[in-house]
């Protein structure tokens, strides 16, 4: 069993470590969401694996025709949990649980929400702002970039009270608010040799 206070691994490593297509797709996700490493992708996949397993078990329970009330109660419990977490929409069913993608799980991370709300210029900067304590959910400072934001907490993300980003005159905040019109300099028209 092991020591109960010790953390245990919450993900599984890939069975085929050198599969080119998987490595490329994971690298794209790491870059797009500004993740620290591929371990964060594997954690999201492990969470989805648990939800899919629960949905498959429900389908087996439905096909065995044991008790219709137990099936409906467990189905409603699973779907309402995923709806509160923000992974499913209002009119979802078991098939929607089975068709969840890793991107849906990664979209619910605090780091991604901060970037999408416009509180940071990039996913990497959003991660830095969260870890340095500049972001709060409902007024409480949160320093975990991988924190999964529920649907209720989604509208309560803001800058933390004593943070310098609260001030409108903050130089970095003005850069965040201003859209990048053309960050790279335009190529200059040089003379050509004749």
N, C-alpha and C. Protein backbone atom coordinates (compact mmCIF):
# COMPACT_ATOMS: atom_id res chain seq x y z
N UNK A 1 0.83 -1.18 0.00
CA UNK A 1 0.00 0.00 0.00
C UNK A 1 0.88 1.24 0.00
N UNK A 2 1.78 1.39 0.87
CA UNK A 2 2.63 2.56 0.89
C UNK A 2 2.21 3.56 1.93
N UNK A 3 3.04 4.53 2.10
CA UNK A 3 2.78 5.57 3.08
C UNK A 3 1.68 6.49 2.58
N UNK A 4 0.61 6.71 3.38
CA UNK A 4 -0.52 7.50 2.88
C UNK A 4 -0.22 8.98 2.68
N UNK A 5 0.76 9.53 3.36
CA UNK A 5 1.07 10.94 3.21
C UNK A 5 1.94 11.24 2.01
N UNK A 6 2.49 10.21 1.40
CA UNK A 6 3.40 10.40 0.26
C UNK A 6 2.60 10.56 -1.02
N UNK A 7 2.99 11.52 -1.81
CA UNK A 7 2.31 11.71 -3.09
C UNK A 7 2.61 10.55 -4.02
N UNK A 8 1.65 10.20 -4.82
CA UNK A 8 1.85 9.14 -5.80
C UNK A 8 1.67 9.72 -7.19
N UNK A 9 2.17 9.01 -8.15
CA UNK A 9 2.14 9.47 -9.52
C UNK A 9 0.70 9.51 -10.03
N UNK A 10 0.29 10.63 -10.60
CA UNK A 10 -1.08 10.80 -11.05
C UNK A 10 -1.21 10.75 -12.57
N UNK A 11 -0.27 10.10 -13.22
CA UNK A 11 -0.31 9.99 -14.68
C UNK A 11 0.40 8.71 -15.08
N UNK A 12 0.23 8.35 -16.34
CA UNK A 12 0.92 7.20 -16.91
C UNK A 12 1.79 7.69 -18.05
N UNK A 13 3.00 7.17 -18.12
CA UNK A 13 3.87 7.50 -19.23
C UNK A 13 3.42 6.70 -20.45
N UNK A 14 3.72 7.18 -21.65
CA UNK A 14 3.31 6.46 -22.86
C UNK A 14 3.97 5.09 -22.95
N UNK A 15 3.24 4.13 -23.52
CA UNK A 15 3.78 2.78 -23.67
C UNK A 15 4.87 2.72 -24.73
N UNK A 16 4.71 3.54 -25.75
CA UNK A 16 5.73 3.60 -26.81
C UNK A 16 6.40 4.97 -26.71
N UNK A 17 7.57 5.06 -26.08
CA UNK A 17 8.17 6.36 -25.80
C UNK A 17 8.67 7.13 -27.02
N UNK A 18 8.93 6.46 -28.13
CA UNK A 18 9.52 7.15 -29.28
C UNK A 18 8.59 7.14 -30.49
N UNK A 19 7.32 7.34 -30.28
CA UNK A 19 6.35 7.40 -31.36
C UNK A 19 6.29 8.84 -31.88
N UNK A 20 6.65 9.01 -33.13
CA UNK A 20 6.85 10.35 -33.69
C UNK A 20 5.58 11.19 -33.68
N UNK A 21 4.46 10.64 -34.10
CA UNK A 21 3.22 11.43 -34.18
C UNK A 21 2.75 11.88 -32.80
N UNK A 22 2.87 11.00 -31.80
CA UNK A 22 2.47 11.36 -30.44
C UNK A 22 3.37 12.46 -29.89
N UNK A 23 4.67 12.34 -30.13
CA UNK A 23 5.62 13.35 -29.64
C UNK A 23 5.33 14.70 -30.26
N UNK A 24 5.03 14.72 -31.56
CA UNK A 24 4.73 15.99 -32.24
C UNK A 24 3.44 16.61 -31.72
N UNK A 25 2.41 15.79 -31.52
CA UNK A 25 1.14 16.34 -31.04
C UNK A 25 1.27 16.85 -29.60
N UNK A 26 2.02 16.13 -28.76
CA UNK A 26 2.23 16.60 -27.38
C UNK A 26 3.06 17.88 -27.36
N UNK A 27 4.05 17.98 -28.23
CA UNK A 27 4.86 19.19 -28.30
C UNK A 27 4.02 20.39 -28.74
N UNK A 28 3.11 20.18 -29.68
CA UNK A 28 2.21 21.25 -30.10
C UNK A 28 1.34 21.72 -28.94
N UNK A 29 0.83 20.77 -28.14
CA UNK A 29 0.01 21.14 -26.99
C UNK A 29 0.82 21.91 -25.94
N UNK A 30 2.05 21.47 -25.70
CA UNK A 30 2.91 22.14 -24.72
C UNK A 30 3.17 23.58 -25.15
N UNK A 31 3.40 23.80 -26.44
CA UNK A 31 3.67 25.15 -26.93
C UNK A 31 2.40 25.99 -26.92
N UNK A 32 1.29 25.42 -27.38
CA UNK A 32 0.04 26.18 -27.47
C UNK A 32 -0.48 26.62 -26.11
N UNK A 33 -0.39 25.75 -25.11
CA UNK A 33 -0.92 26.06 -23.79
C UNK A 33 0.13 26.57 -22.82
N UNK A 34 1.39 26.66 -23.24
CA UNK A 34 2.45 27.19 -22.39
C UNK A 34 2.74 26.30 -21.19
N UNK A 35 2.69 25.00 -21.40
CA UNK A 35 2.89 24.06 -20.30
C UNK A 35 4.37 23.94 -19.96
N UNK A 36 4.64 23.47 -18.76
CA UNK A 36 6.02 23.32 -18.32
C UNK A 36 6.70 22.14 -19.00
N UNK A 37 5.99 21.01 -19.08
CA UNK A 37 6.53 19.82 -19.71
C UNK A 37 5.39 18.91 -20.14
N UNK A 38 5.74 17.79 -20.73
CA UNK A 38 4.71 16.87 -21.23
C UNK A 38 3.99 16.13 -20.11
N UNK A 39 4.57 16.15 -18.93
CA UNK A 39 3.91 15.51 -17.81
C UNK A 39 2.54 16.12 -17.55
N UNK A 40 2.40 17.41 -17.79
CA UNK A 40 1.11 18.07 -17.59
C UNK A 40 0.08 17.60 -18.61
N UNK A 41 0.52 17.28 -19.81
CA UNK A 41 -0.38 16.71 -20.82
C UNK A 41 -0.80 15.32 -20.38
N UNK A 42 0.14 14.54 -19.86
CA UNK A 42 -0.17 13.18 -19.42
C UNK A 42 -1.14 13.18 -18.25
N UNK A 43 -1.04 14.18 -17.37
CA UNK A 43 -1.99 14.29 -16.25
C UNK A 43 -3.40 14.56 -16.76
N UNK A 44 -3.51 15.44 -17.75
CA UNK A 44 -4.82 15.74 -18.34
C UNK A 44 -5.39 14.50 -19.01
N UNK A 45 -4.54 13.73 -19.70
CA UNK A 45 -5.00 12.50 -20.33
C UNK A 45 -5.46 11.49 -19.29
N UNK A 46 -4.77 11.43 -18.16
CA UNK A 46 -5.15 10.49 -17.09
C UNK A 46 -6.52 10.86 -16.51
N UNK A 47 -6.78 12.15 -16.33
CA UNK A 47 -8.09 12.58 -15.83
C UNK A 47 -9.20 12.19 -16.81
N UNK A 48 -8.98 12.44 -18.09
CA UNK A 48 -9.98 12.07 -19.09
C UNK A 48 -10.17 10.57 -19.15
N UNK A 49 -9.10 9.83 -18.96
CA UNK A 49 -9.19 8.37 -18.96
C UNK A 49 -10.12 7.88 -17.85
N UNK A 50 -10.05 8.54 -16.67
CA UNK A 50 -10.94 8.17 -15.56
C UNK A 50 -12.40 8.44 -15.91
N UNK A 51 -12.66 9.59 -16.54
CA UNK A 51 -14.04 9.92 -16.90
C UNK A 51 -14.57 8.95 -17.96
N UNK A 52 -13.75 8.62 -18.94
CA UNK A 52 -14.19 7.68 -19.98
C UNK A 52 -14.45 6.30 -19.40
N UNK A 53 -13.60 5.89 -18.46
CA UNK A 53 -13.80 4.58 -17.83
C UNK A 53 -15.12 4.55 -17.07
N UNK A 54 -15.43 5.64 -16.36
CA UNK A 54 -16.71 5.72 -15.66
C UNK A 54 -17.89 5.67 -16.62
N UNK A 55 -17.76 6.34 -17.77
CA UNK A 55 -18.84 6.33 -18.76
C UNK A 55 -19.01 4.94 -19.37
N UNK A 56 -17.90 4.25 -19.63
CA UNK A 56 -18.00 2.89 -20.18
C UNK A 56 -18.63 1.94 -19.16
N UNK A 57 -18.27 2.11 -17.88
CA UNK A 57 -18.89 1.29 -16.84
C UNK A 57 -20.39 1.54 -16.76
N UNK A 58 -20.80 2.78 -16.98
CA UNK A 58 -22.24 3.09 -16.99
C UNK A 58 -22.94 2.43 -18.16
N UNK A 59 -22.27 2.40 -19.32
CA UNK A 59 -22.87 1.75 -20.48
C UNK A 59 -23.02 0.24 -20.25
N UNK A 60 -22.05 -0.35 -19.57
CA UNK A 60 -22.14 -1.78 -19.24
C UNK A 60 -23.29 -2.00 -18.26
N UNK A 61 -23.44 -1.09 -17.29
CA UNK A 61 -24.52 -1.19 -16.32
C UNK A 61 -25.88 -1.06 -17.01
N UNK A 62 -25.96 -0.20 -18.02
CA UNK A 62 -27.22 -0.02 -18.75
C UNK A 62 -27.55 -1.25 -19.58
N UNK A 63 -26.53 -1.87 -20.16
CA UNK A 63 -26.79 -3.04 -21.01
C UNK A 63 -27.12 -4.28 -20.19
N UNK A 64 -26.68 -4.33 -18.93
CA UNK A 64 -26.98 -5.50 -18.09
C UNK A 64 -28.41 -5.45 -17.55
N UNK A 65 -29.07 -4.31 -17.69
CA UNK A 65 -30.47 -4.14 -17.28
C UNK A 65 -30.68 -4.51 -15.81
N UNK A 66 -29.75 -4.07 -14.96
CA UNK A 66 -29.88 -4.35 -13.53
C UNK A 66 -31.01 -3.52 -12.93
N UNK A 67 -30.75 -2.24 -12.78
CA UNK A 67 -31.74 -1.36 -12.17
C UNK A 67 -31.66 -0.02 -12.89
N UNK A 68 -32.76 0.38 -13.48
CA UNK A 68 -32.80 1.60 -14.27
C UNK A 68 -32.55 2.84 -13.40
N UNK A 69 -33.03 2.84 -12.17
CA UNK A 69 -32.86 4.00 -11.29
C UNK A 69 -31.40 4.20 -10.91
N UNK A 70 -30.69 3.12 -10.63
CA UNK A 70 -29.27 3.22 -10.27
C UNK A 70 -28.48 3.77 -11.45
N UNK A 71 -28.80 3.28 -12.66
CA UNK A 71 -28.11 3.76 -13.86
C UNK A 71 -28.34 5.26 -14.06
N UNK A 72 -29.58 5.68 -13.96
CA UNK A 72 -29.90 7.10 -14.16
C UNK A 72 -29.24 7.99 -13.11
N UNK A 73 -29.21 7.52 -11.86
CA UNK A 73 -28.59 8.32 -10.78
C UNK A 73 -27.09 8.46 -11.02
N UNK A 74 -26.43 7.37 -11.38
CA UNK A 74 -24.99 7.44 -11.61
C UNK A 74 -24.66 8.25 -12.86
N UNK A 75 -25.49 8.14 -13.87
CA UNK A 75 -25.27 8.91 -15.10
C UNK A 75 -25.42 10.40 -14.82
N UNK A 76 -26.47 10.77 -14.09
CA UNK A 76 -26.67 12.18 -13.75
C UNK A 76 -25.54 12.72 -12.88
N UNK A 77 -25.03 11.88 -11.98
CA UNK A 77 -23.93 12.30 -11.11
C UNK A 77 -22.67 12.59 -11.91
N UNK A 78 -22.33 11.70 -12.83
CA UNK A 78 -21.13 11.89 -13.66
C UNK A 78 -21.26 13.11 -14.56
N UNK A 79 -22.39 13.24 -15.22
CA UNK A 79 -22.57 14.36 -16.16
C UNK A 79 -22.65 15.69 -15.42
N UNK A 80 -23.31 15.74 -14.27
CA UNK A 80 -23.38 17.01 -13.53
C UNK A 80 -22.00 17.40 -12.99
N UNK A 81 -21.19 16.42 -12.60
CA UNK A 81 -19.82 16.71 -12.15
C UNK A 81 -19.02 17.34 -13.29
N UNK A 82 -19.13 16.79 -14.48
CA UNK A 82 -18.38 17.32 -15.62
C UNK A 82 -18.94 18.67 -16.08
N UNK A 83 -20.22 18.89 -15.91
CA UNK A 83 -20.79 20.19 -16.25
C UNK A 83 -20.34 21.26 -15.27
N UNK A 84 -20.28 20.95 -13.98
CA UNK A 84 -19.77 21.91 -13.00
C UNK A 84 -18.31 22.23 -13.24
N UNK A 85 -17.56 21.22 -13.69
CA UNK A 85 -16.14 21.43 -13.99
C UNK A 85 -15.96 22.22 -15.27
N UNK A 86 -17.00 22.34 -16.09
CA UNK A 86 -16.90 23.10 -17.33
C UNK A 86 -16.45 22.28 -18.52
N UNK A 87 -16.40 20.97 -18.38
CA UNK A 87 -15.95 20.13 -19.48
C UNK A 87 -17.07 19.77 -20.44
N UNK A 88 -18.31 19.80 -19.97
CA UNK A 88 -19.46 19.47 -20.81
C UNK A 88 -20.47 20.61 -20.83
N UNK A 89 -21.26 20.64 -21.88
CA UNK A 89 -22.31 21.64 -22.01
C UNK A 89 -23.56 21.24 -21.25
N UNK A 90 -24.62 22.00 -21.45
CA UNK A 90 -25.86 21.80 -20.69
C UNK A 90 -26.57 20.51 -21.09
N UNK A 91 -26.70 20.25 -22.36
CA UNK A 91 -27.46 19.07 -22.82
C UNK A 91 -26.51 17.96 -23.28
N UNK A 92 -25.68 17.49 -22.38
CA UNK A 92 -24.69 16.45 -22.70
C UNK A 92 -25.20 15.08 -22.27
N UNK A 93 -24.63 14.05 -22.89
CA UNK A 93 -24.96 12.69 -22.52
C UNK A 93 -23.69 11.86 -22.43
N UNK A 94 -23.84 10.54 -22.32
CA UNK A 94 -22.69 9.66 -22.14
C UNK A 94 -21.75 9.71 -23.34
N UNK A 95 -22.30 9.84 -24.55
CA UNK A 95 -21.46 9.91 -25.74
C UNK A 95 -20.55 11.14 -25.73
N UNK A 96 -21.04 12.23 -25.14
CA UNK A 96 -20.21 13.44 -25.03
C UNK A 96 -19.04 13.21 -24.07
N UNK A 97 -19.26 12.41 -23.04
CA UNK A 97 -18.17 12.09 -22.11
C UNK A 97 -17.10 11.27 -22.82
N UNK A 98 -17.54 10.33 -23.65
CA UNK A 98 -16.60 9.46 -24.35
C UNK A 98 -15.83 10.21 -25.44
N UNK A 99 -16.38 11.33 -25.92
CA UNK A 99 -15.72 12.06 -27.00
C UNK A 99 -14.92 13.27 -26.52
N UNK A 100 -14.68 13.38 -25.21
CA UNK A 100 -13.88 14.49 -24.68
C UNK A 100 -12.45 14.42 -25.18
N UNK A 101 -11.87 15.56 -25.46
CA UNK A 101 -10.49 15.66 -25.93
C UNK A 101 -9.61 16.27 -24.83
N UNK A 102 -8.31 16.12 -24.98
CA UNK A 102 -7.36 16.65 -24.01
C UNK A 102 -7.42 18.18 -23.99
N UNK A 103 -7.72 18.78 -25.14
CA UNK A 103 -7.79 20.23 -25.21
C UNK A 103 -8.87 20.78 -24.28
N UNK A 104 -9.98 20.05 -24.13
CA UNK A 104 -11.04 20.51 -23.22
C UNK A 104 -10.54 20.57 -21.79
N UNK A 105 -9.74 19.58 -21.41
CA UNK A 105 -9.17 19.56 -20.06
C UNK A 105 -8.15 20.68 -19.89
N UNK A 106 -7.31 20.91 -20.89
CA UNK A 106 -6.28 21.95 -20.80
C UNK A 106 -6.88 23.35 -20.85
N UNK A 107 -8.03 23.50 -21.48
CA UNK A 107 -8.69 24.81 -21.52
C UNK A 107 -9.20 25.24 -20.15
N UNK A 108 -9.42 24.31 -19.24
CA UNK A 108 -9.95 24.63 -17.92
C UNK A 108 -8.86 24.99 -16.92
N UNK A 109 -7.60 24.95 -17.31
CA UNK A 109 -6.51 25.30 -16.41
C UNK A 109 -6.52 26.80 -16.14
N UNK A 110 -6.10 27.19 -14.93
CA UNK A 110 -6.06 28.61 -14.56
C UNK A 110 -5.14 29.39 -15.48
N UNK A 111 -4.01 28.79 -15.82
CA UNK A 111 -3.04 29.44 -16.70
C UNK A 111 -3.68 29.81 -18.04
N UNK A 112 -4.43 28.89 -18.62
CA UNK A 112 -5.08 29.13 -19.91
C UNK A 112 -6.17 30.18 -19.77
N UNK A 113 -6.94 30.12 -18.68
CA UNK A 113 -8.02 31.08 -18.47
C UNK A 113 -7.49 32.50 -18.33
N UNK A 114 -6.37 32.65 -17.61
CA UNK A 114 -5.77 33.98 -17.43
C UNK A 114 -5.36 34.54 -18.79
N UNK A 115 -4.77 33.72 -19.62
CA UNK A 115 -4.36 34.19 -20.95
C UNK A 115 -5.57 34.52 -21.82
N UNK A 116 -6.59 33.69 -21.80
CA UNK A 116 -7.77 33.90 -22.65
C UNK A 116 -8.60 35.09 -22.20
N UNK A 117 -8.55 35.42 -20.89
CA UNK A 117 -9.29 36.58 -20.39
C UNK A 117 -8.57 37.89 -20.69
N UNK A 118 -7.34 37.81 -21.17
CA UNK A 118 -6.60 39.02 -21.51
C UNK A 118 -5.84 39.60 -20.33
N UNK A 119 -5.59 38.82 -19.30
CA UNK A 119 -4.83 39.31 -18.16
C UNK A 119 -3.33 39.12 -18.37
N UNK A 120 -2.94 38.41 -19.42
CA UNK A 120 -1.53 38.20 -19.75
C UNK A 120 -1.38 38.17 -21.27
N UNK A 121 -0.15 38.48 -21.73
CA UNK A 121 0.10 38.53 -23.17
C UNK A 121 0.25 37.16 -23.80
N UNK A 122 0.78 36.21 -23.07
CA UNK A 122 1.05 34.88 -23.61
C UNK A 122 0.77 33.83 -22.56
N UNK A 123 0.67 32.56 -22.96
CA UNK A 123 0.47 31.50 -21.95
C UNK A 123 1.64 31.40 -20.98
N UNK A 124 2.85 31.65 -21.45
CA UNK A 124 4.02 31.60 -20.56
C UNK A 124 3.96 32.72 -19.52
N UNK A 125 3.57 33.92 -19.96
CA UNK A 125 3.45 35.02 -19.01
C UNK A 125 2.31 34.76 -18.02
N UNK A 126 1.24 34.13 -18.50
CA UNK A 126 0.13 33.79 -17.61
C UNK A 126 0.60 32.82 -16.53
N UNK A 127 1.42 31.85 -16.93
CA UNK A 127 1.96 30.90 -15.95
C UNK A 127 2.82 31.62 -14.91
N UNK A 128 3.65 32.54 -15.38
CA UNK A 128 4.52 33.28 -14.47
C UNK A 128 3.70 34.14 -13.51
N UNK A 129 2.66 34.79 -14.02
CA UNK A 129 1.83 35.64 -13.16
C UNK A 129 1.11 34.82 -12.10
N UNK A 130 0.68 33.62 -12.46
CA UNK A 130 0.00 32.77 -11.48
C UNK A 130 0.97 32.31 -10.41
N UNK A 131 2.15 31.82 -10.81
CA UNK A 131 3.11 31.31 -9.83
C UNK A 131 3.67 32.41 -8.94
N UNK A 132 3.74 33.64 -9.43
CA UNK A 132 4.26 34.75 -8.63
C UNK A 132 3.18 35.39 -7.75
N UNK A 133 1.95 34.90 -7.85
CA UNK A 133 0.90 35.36 -6.94
C UNK A 133 0.17 36.60 -7.37
N UNK A 134 0.13 36.91 -8.66
CA UNK A 134 -0.56 38.11 -9.14
C UNK A 134 -2.02 37.85 -9.51
N UNK A 135 -2.46 36.59 -9.48
CA UNK A 135 -3.81 36.22 -9.92
C UNK A 135 -4.61 35.70 -8.73
N UNK A 136 -5.89 36.08 -8.68
CA UNK A 136 -6.78 35.63 -7.62
C UNK A 136 -8.08 35.12 -8.22
N UNK A 137 -8.69 34.18 -7.52
CA UNK A 137 -10.03 33.70 -7.88
C UNK A 137 -10.94 34.07 -6.73
N UNK A 138 -11.92 34.90 -7.00
CA UNK A 138 -12.86 35.41 -5.99
C UNK A 138 -12.12 36.07 -4.83
N UNK A 139 -11.05 36.81 -5.15
CA UNK A 139 -10.31 37.54 -4.14
C UNK A 139 -9.25 36.75 -3.41
N UNK A 140 -9.17 35.44 -3.63
CA UNK A 140 -8.17 34.59 -2.96
C UNK A 140 -7.04 34.29 -3.93
N UNK A 141 -5.82 34.56 -3.49
CA UNK A 141 -4.65 34.35 -4.34
C UNK A 141 -4.49 32.86 -4.63
N UNK A 142 -4.22 32.54 -5.88
CA UNK A 142 -4.01 31.17 -6.32
C UNK A 142 -2.69 31.11 -7.05
N UNK A 143 -1.81 30.21 -6.63
CA UNK A 143 -0.47 30.13 -7.21
C UNK A 143 -0.22 28.82 -7.94
N UNK A 144 -1.26 28.12 -8.33
CA UNK A 144 -1.12 26.84 -9.03
C UNK A 144 -1.61 27.02 -10.46
N UNK A 145 -0.69 26.99 -11.45
CA UNK A 145 -1.11 27.19 -12.84
C UNK A 145 -2.01 26.07 -13.37
N UNK A 146 -1.88 24.88 -12.82
CA UNK A 146 -2.68 23.75 -13.27
C UNK A 146 -4.01 23.61 -12.56
N UNK A 147 -4.38 24.59 -11.73
CA UNK A 147 -5.65 24.54 -11.01
C UNK A 147 -6.79 24.51 -12.01
N UNK A 148 -7.70 23.56 -11.85
CA UNK A 148 -8.83 23.46 -12.79
C UNK A 148 -9.95 24.37 -12.33
N UNK A 149 -10.26 25.35 -13.15
CA UNK A 149 -11.26 26.37 -12.82
C UNK A 149 -12.65 25.82 -13.14
N UNK A 150 -13.55 25.90 -12.17
CA UNK A 150 -14.92 25.45 -12.40
C UNK A 150 -15.70 26.52 -13.15
N UNK A 151 -16.89 26.17 -13.57
CA UNK A 151 -17.71 27.11 -14.33
C UNK A 151 -18.11 28.30 -13.46
N UNK A 152 -18.31 28.10 -12.17
CA UNK A 152 -18.69 29.19 -11.26
C UNK A 152 -17.53 30.16 -11.07
N UNK A 153 -16.32 29.62 -10.94
CA UNK A 153 -15.15 30.45 -10.67
C UNK A 153 -14.64 31.17 -11.92
N UNK A 154 -15.12 30.80 -13.07
CA UNK A 154 -14.60 31.33 -14.33
C UNK A 154 -14.69 32.85 -14.42
N UNK A 155 -15.78 33.43 -13.97
CA UNK A 155 -15.96 34.88 -14.03
C UNK A 155 -15.31 35.63 -12.89
N UNK A 156 -14.73 34.92 -11.92
CA UNK A 156 -14.18 35.56 -10.74
C UNK A 156 -12.66 35.67 -10.79
N UNK A 157 -12.06 35.41 -11.94
CA UNK A 157 -10.60 35.49 -12.09
C UNK A 157 -10.22 36.96 -12.29
N UNK A 158 -9.27 37.43 -11.48
CA UNK A 158 -8.82 38.82 -11.60
C UNK A 158 -7.42 38.92 -11.01
N UNK A 159 -6.88 40.14 -11.02
CA UNK A 159 -5.59 40.38 -10.38
C UNK A 159 -5.77 40.37 -8.87
N UNK A 160 -4.76 39.92 -8.17
CA UNK A 160 -4.79 39.88 -6.71
C UNK A 160 -4.67 41.30 -6.16
N UNK A 161 -5.36 41.61 -5.08
CA UNK A 161 -5.45 42.95 -4.50
C UNK A 161 -4.14 43.70 -4.34
N UNK A 162 -3.13 43.20 -3.59
CA UNK A 162 -1.88 43.94 -3.41
C UNK A 162 -0.92 43.86 -4.60
N UNK A 163 -1.29 43.18 -5.64
CA UNK A 163 -0.40 43.03 -6.80
C UNK A 163 -0.23 44.38 -7.51
N UNK A 164 0.96 44.64 -8.05
CA UNK A 164 1.15 45.89 -8.80
C UNK A 164 0.35 45.93 -10.10
N UNK A 165 -0.15 44.81 -10.56
CA UNK A 165 -0.93 44.78 -11.80
C UNK A 165 -2.33 45.35 -11.63
N UNK A 166 -2.76 45.57 -10.40
CA UNK A 166 -4.09 46.14 -10.16
C UNK A 166 -4.15 47.57 -10.66
N UNK A 167 -3.04 48.29 -10.55
CA UNK A 167 -2.99 49.68 -10.99
C UNK A 167 -3.05 49.78 -12.51
N UNK A 168 -3.86 50.70 -13.00
CA UNK A 168 -3.97 50.90 -14.45
C UNK A 168 -2.71 51.52 -15.03
N UNK A 169 -1.90 52.16 -14.20
CA UNK A 169 -0.70 52.83 -14.69
C UNK A 169 0.50 51.89 -14.78
N UNK A 170 0.32 50.62 -14.46
CA UNK A 170 1.41 49.65 -14.53
C UNK A 170 1.86 49.51 -15.99
N UNK A 171 3.16 49.58 -16.23
CA UNK A 171 3.69 49.56 -17.59
C UNK A 171 3.38 48.25 -18.29
N UNK A 172 3.54 47.14 -17.60
CA UNK A 172 3.27 45.84 -18.22
C UNK A 172 1.79 45.66 -18.51
N UNK A 173 0.95 46.20 -17.66
CA UNK A 173 -0.49 46.08 -17.89
C UNK A 173 -0.91 46.87 -19.12
N UNK A 174 -0.28 48.00 -19.37
CA UNK A 174 -0.60 48.74 -20.59
C UNK A 174 -0.15 47.97 -21.82
N UNK A 175 0.97 47.24 -21.72
CA UNK A 175 1.41 46.40 -22.84
C UNK A 175 0.45 45.24 -23.06
N UNK A 176 -0.09 44.70 -21.97
CA UNK A 176 -1.05 43.59 -22.10
C UNK A 176 -2.33 44.08 -22.75
N UNK A 177 -2.79 45.26 -22.35
CA UNK A 177 -4.05 45.79 -22.88
C UNK A 177 -3.95 46.22 -24.33
N UNK A 178 -2.75 46.65 -24.73
CA UNK A 178 -2.57 47.12 -26.10
C UNK A 178 -2.36 45.93 -27.01
N UNK A 179 -3.15 45.79 -28.07
CA UNK A 179 -2.94 44.67 -28.98
C UNK A 179 -1.63 44.85 -29.74
N UNK A 180 -0.99 43.75 -30.00
CA UNK A 180 0.29 43.78 -30.73
C UNK A 180 -0.02 44.03 -32.20
N UNK A 181 0.16 45.28 -32.63
CA UNK A 181 -0.15 45.61 -34.02
C UNK A 181 0.86 44.97 -34.96
N UNK A 182 2.14 45.15 -34.67
CA UNK A 182 3.17 44.51 -35.47
C UNK A 182 4.44 44.45 -34.63
N UNK A 183 4.61 43.37 -33.85
CA UNK A 183 5.75 43.31 -32.96
C UNK A 183 7.08 43.24 -33.68
N UNK A 184 7.11 42.69 -34.88
CA UNK A 184 8.36 42.62 -35.62
C UNK A 184 8.48 43.83 -36.53
N UNK A 185 9.67 44.29 -36.67
CA UNK A 185 9.89 45.44 -37.56
C UNK A 185 9.67 45.01 -39.01
N UNK A 186 9.11 45.93 -39.77
CA UNK A 186 8.87 45.63 -41.17
C UNK A 186 10.20 45.54 -41.90
N UNK A 187 10.32 44.61 -42.85
CA UNK A 187 11.58 44.51 -43.59
C UNK A 187 11.85 45.79 -44.36
N UNK A 188 13.09 46.24 -44.29
CA UNK A 188 13.45 47.48 -44.95
C UNK A 188 13.76 47.21 -46.42
N UNK A 189 13.42 48.18 -47.22
CA UNK A 189 13.71 48.08 -48.65
C UNK A 189 15.16 48.49 -48.86
N UNK A 190 15.97 47.56 -49.14
CA UNK A 190 17.39 47.86 -49.34
C UNK A 190 17.69 48.08 -50.81
N UNK A 191 18.89 48.58 -51.05
CA UNK A 191 19.26 48.79 -52.43
C UNK A 191 19.77 47.47 -52.99
N UNK A 192 19.66 47.31 -54.24
CA UNK A 192 20.14 46.07 -54.86
C UNK A 192 21.38 46.38 -55.67
N UNK A 193 22.25 45.44 -55.76
CA UNK A 193 23.48 45.61 -56.53
C UNK A 193 23.18 45.45 -58.00
N UNK A 194 23.77 46.30 -58.77
CA UNK A 194 23.57 46.20 -60.22
C UNK A 194 24.87 46.07 -60.89
